[in-house]
Amino acid sequence: MKLEKLEKLKKLEKLKKLEPIAFLPSIYLQKIILSPL
C-alpha cells in the first residue's frame, strides 16, 4: 500500500515538473470538492 502510494506520488511529481499548468485545474477542483460549501 505505502509503496504504491509512493510510486504514484513520484509519478505525479514528475508530471507536475513536466507540465505544472495542466495540474492547476485539478488542484482547484480538489479544493472545491474538499471545501465545505
N, C-alpha and C. Protein backbone atom coordinates (compact mmCIF):
# COMPACT_ATOMS: atom_id res chain seq x y z
N MET A 1 0.85 -1.21 0.00
CA MET A 1 0.00 0.00 0.00
C MET A 1 0.88 1.26 0.00
N LYS A 2 1.80 1.32 0.95
CA LYS A 2 2.67 2.51 1.06
C LYS A 2 3.53 2.66 -0.19
N LEU A 3 4.07 1.53 -0.68
CA LEU A 3 4.91 1.59 -1.88
C LEU A 3 4.11 2.08 -3.07
N GLU A 4 2.89 1.61 -3.20
CA GLU A 4 2.04 2.03 -4.32
C GLU A 4 1.81 3.54 -4.26
N LYS A 5 1.52 4.03 -3.07
CA LYS A 5 1.26 5.47 -2.90
C LYS A 5 2.52 6.26 -3.24
N LEU A 6 3.66 5.77 -2.79
CA LEU A 6 4.93 6.47 -3.07
C LEU A 6 5.20 6.51 -4.57
N GLU A 7 4.96 5.40 -5.25
CA GLU A 7 5.17 5.34 -6.70
C GLU A 7 4.26 6.34 -7.40
N LYS A 8 3.00 6.38 -6.98
CA LYS A 8 2.05 7.31 -7.59
C LYS A 8 2.47 8.76 -7.34
N LEU A 9 2.92 9.04 -6.11
CA LEU A 9 3.37 10.39 -5.78
C LEU A 9 4.59 10.78 -6.61
N LYS A 10 5.51 9.83 -6.80
CA LYS A 10 6.70 10.09 -7.61
C LYS A 10 6.30 10.41 -9.04
N LYS A 11 5.37 9.62 -9.58
CA LYS A 11 4.90 9.86 -10.95
C LYS A 11 4.23 11.22 -11.05
N LEU A 12 3.41 11.56 -10.05
CA LEU A 12 2.73 12.85 -10.04
C LEU A 12 3.74 14.00 -9.98
N GLU A 13 4.77 13.83 -9.17
CA GLU A 13 5.79 14.87 -9.05
C GLU A 13 6.48 15.09 -10.39
N LYS A 14 6.80 13.99 -11.09
CA LYS A 14 7.45 14.09 -12.40
C LYS A 14 6.54 14.81 -13.37
N LEU A 15 5.26 14.44 -13.37
CA LEU A 15 4.29 15.07 -14.28
C LEU A 15 4.13 16.55 -13.95
N LYS A 16 4.10 16.86 -12.67
CA LYS A 16 3.96 18.26 -12.23
C LYS A 16 5.13 19.09 -12.74
N LYS A 17 6.33 18.50 -12.68
CA LYS A 17 7.52 19.22 -13.14
C LYS A 17 7.47 19.40 -14.66
N LEU A 18 6.97 18.39 -15.35
CA LEU A 18 6.93 18.45 -16.81
C LEU A 18 5.89 19.45 -17.31
N GLU A 19 4.69 19.38 -16.74
CA GLU A 19 3.64 20.33 -17.14
C GLU A 19 2.80 20.76 -15.94
N PRO A 20 3.30 21.76 -15.19
CA PRO A 20 2.60 22.23 -13.98
C PRO A 20 1.27 22.90 -14.30
N ILE A 21 1.18 23.52 -15.46
CA ILE A 21 -0.05 24.24 -15.83
C ILE A 21 -1.23 23.27 -15.92
N ALA A 22 -0.98 22.06 -16.40
CA ALA A 22 -2.05 21.08 -16.59
C ALA A 22 -2.62 20.64 -15.23
N PHE A 23 -1.84 20.79 -14.17
CA PHE A 23 -2.30 20.32 -12.85
C PHE A 23 -3.08 21.38 -12.08
N LEU A 24 -2.97 22.63 -12.51
CA LEU A 24 -3.69 23.69 -11.79
C LEU A 24 -5.20 23.44 -11.74
N PRO A 25 -5.86 23.13 -12.84
CA PRO A 25 -7.31 22.88 -12.78
C PRO A 25 -7.68 21.77 -11.81
N SER A 26 -6.93 20.68 -11.82
CA SER A 26 -7.25 19.56 -10.92
C SER A 26 -7.08 19.97 -9.46
N ILE A 27 -6.09 20.80 -9.18
CA ILE A 27 -5.87 21.27 -7.81
C ILE A 27 -7.06 22.13 -7.37
N TYR A 28 -7.50 23.02 -8.27
CA TYR A 28 -8.65 23.86 -7.94
C TYR A 28 -9.89 23.01 -7.73
N LEU A 29 -10.06 21.99 -8.59
CA LEU A 29 -11.22 21.10 -8.46
C LEU A 29 -11.19 20.38 -7.12
N GLN A 30 -10.00 19.90 -6.73
CA GLN A 30 -9.88 19.21 -5.44
C GLN A 30 -10.27 20.15 -4.29
N LYS A 31 -9.82 21.40 -4.37
CA LYS A 31 -10.14 22.36 -3.31
C LYS A 31 -11.65 22.59 -3.26
N ILE A 32 -12.26 22.71 -4.43
CA ILE A 32 -13.71 22.95 -4.49
C ILE A 32 -14.46 21.74 -3.92
N ILE A 33 -14.00 20.54 -4.29
CA ILE A 33 -14.68 19.31 -3.83
C ILE A 33 -14.48 19.12 -2.32
N LEU A 34 -13.26 19.36 -1.86
CA LEU A 34 -12.95 19.11 -0.45
C LEU A 34 -13.48 20.20 0.47
N SER A 35 -13.55 21.43 -0.04
CA SER A 35 -14.01 22.53 0.82
C SER A 35 -15.52 22.45 1.05
N PRO A 36 -15.95 22.61 2.29
CA PRO A 36 -17.39 22.59 2.58
C PRO A 36 -18.06 23.83 2.01
N LEU A 37 -19.21 23.64 1.36
CA LEU A 37 -19.91 24.77 0.75
C LEU A 37 -20.84 25.45 1.76
